[in-house]
Amino acid sequence: MLRTAFAFMVFEEIFAITSGGPGDTTWVASWYTYQHAFSYLEIGVGAAAAYIMTLVVALVTTIYILVIYRRVEYA
């Protein structure tokens, strides 16, 4: 569950090594959020993208918990 959440938050490696790569080839959701909020100065778009990314992570985590931790009862 934590690895799934951390996969959505990968940012430092991309920023430090490639700064987004040549063009937009190193595109992830957190880079999109950063780029719109601070590079293009579209704070509202960056905040909305961060909010949607949070909802997606919460949804994936909830589904993961429901699938992994369901109870199996034998008759």
Protein backbone atom coordinates (compact mmCIF):
# COMPACT_ATOMS: atom_id res chain seq x y z
CA MET A 1 0.00 0.00 0.00
CA LEU A 2 2.79 2.42 0.85
CA ARG A 3 4.77 1.57 -2.27
CA THR A 4 1.73 2.38 -4.39
CA ALA A 5 1.33 5.75 -2.70
CA PHE A 6 5.06 6.48 -3.00
CA ALA A 7 4.96 5.63 -6.71
CA PHE A 8 2.62 8.56 -7.24
CA MET A 9 4.92 10.90 -5.32
CA VAL A 10 8.15 10.30 -7.25
CA PHE A 11 9.45 13.78 -7.98
CA GLU A 12 12.92 14.43 -6.56
CA GLU A 13 14.68 11.96 -8.84
CA ILE A 14 13.12 13.45 -11.96
CA PHE A 15 13.82 17.01 -10.87
CA ALA A 16 17.42 16.34 -9.87
CA ILE A 17 18.46 14.15 -12.80
CA THR A 18 16.52 15.26 -15.88
CA SER A 19 14.34 18.27 -14.94
CA GLY A 20 11.51 16.65 -16.85
CA GLY A 21 13.63 15.00 -19.49
CA PRO A 22 13.98 16.02 -23.10
CA GLY A 23 10.64 17.60 -23.87
CA ASP A 24 7.97 15.97 -21.75
CA THR A 25 9.24 12.40 -21.88
CA THR A 26 9.66 12.06 -18.11
CA TRP A 27 6.06 12.88 -17.31
CA VAL A 28 4.48 11.85 -14.00
CA ALA A 29 1.57 13.35 -12.10
CA SER A 30 3.71 15.06 -9.46
CA TRP A 31 5.90 16.66 -12.15
CA TYR A 32 2.78 17.93 -13.91
CA THR A 33 1.57 19.46 -10.64
CA TYR A 34 4.91 21.15 -9.96
CA GLN A 35 5.29 22.42 -13.50
CA HIS A 36 1.87 24.04 -13.65
CA ALA A 37 2.05 25.50 -10.15
CA PHE A 38 5.57 26.93 -10.22
CA SER A 39 6.88 27.04 -13.80
CA TYR A 40 3.75 28.28 -15.55
CA LEU A 41 2.46 30.12 -12.43
CA GLU A 42 -0.94 28.46 -12.74
CA ILE A 43 -1.43 27.88 -9.02
CA GLY A 44 -5.08 26.85 -9.39
CA VAL A 45 -4.29 24.17 -11.97
CA GLY A 46 -1.44 22.85 -9.83
CA ALA A 47 -3.65 22.75 -6.73
CA ALA A 48 -6.43 20.99 -8.63
CA ALA A 49 -3.98 18.44 -10.02
CA ALA A 50 -2.61 17.78 -6.52
CA TYR A 51 -6.14 17.36 -5.17
CA ILE A 52 -7.10 14.91 -7.93
CA MET A 53 -3.84 13.00 -7.41
CA THR A 54 -4.71 12.72 -3.71
CA LEU A 55 -8.17 11.36 -4.56
CA VAL A 56 -6.68 8.83 -6.99
CA VAL A 57 -4.17 7.61 -4.39
CA ALA A 58 -6.95 7.34 -1.79
CA LEU A 59 -9.16 5.38 -4.22
CA VAL A 60 -6.36 3.00 -5.21
CA THR A 61 -5.45 2.49 -1.54
CA THR A 62 -9.07 1.78 -0.58
CA ILE A 63 -9.48 -0.76 -3.38
CA TYR A 64 -6.18 -2.36 -2.41
CA ILE A 65 -7.25 -2.71 1.22
CA LEU A 66 -10.65 -4.13 0.27
CA VAL A 67 -9.14 -6.73 -2.06
CA ILE A 68 -6.22 -7.80 0.12
CA TYR A 69 -7.89 -7.84 3.51
CA ARG A 70 -11.24 -9.38 2.69
CA ARG A 71 -12.28 -12.21 4.92
CA VAL A 72 -12.68 -15.69 3.60
CA GLU A 73 -15.16 -17.81 5.53
CA TYR A 74 -15.47 -21.53 5.01
CA ALA A 75 -18.68 -23.36 5.75
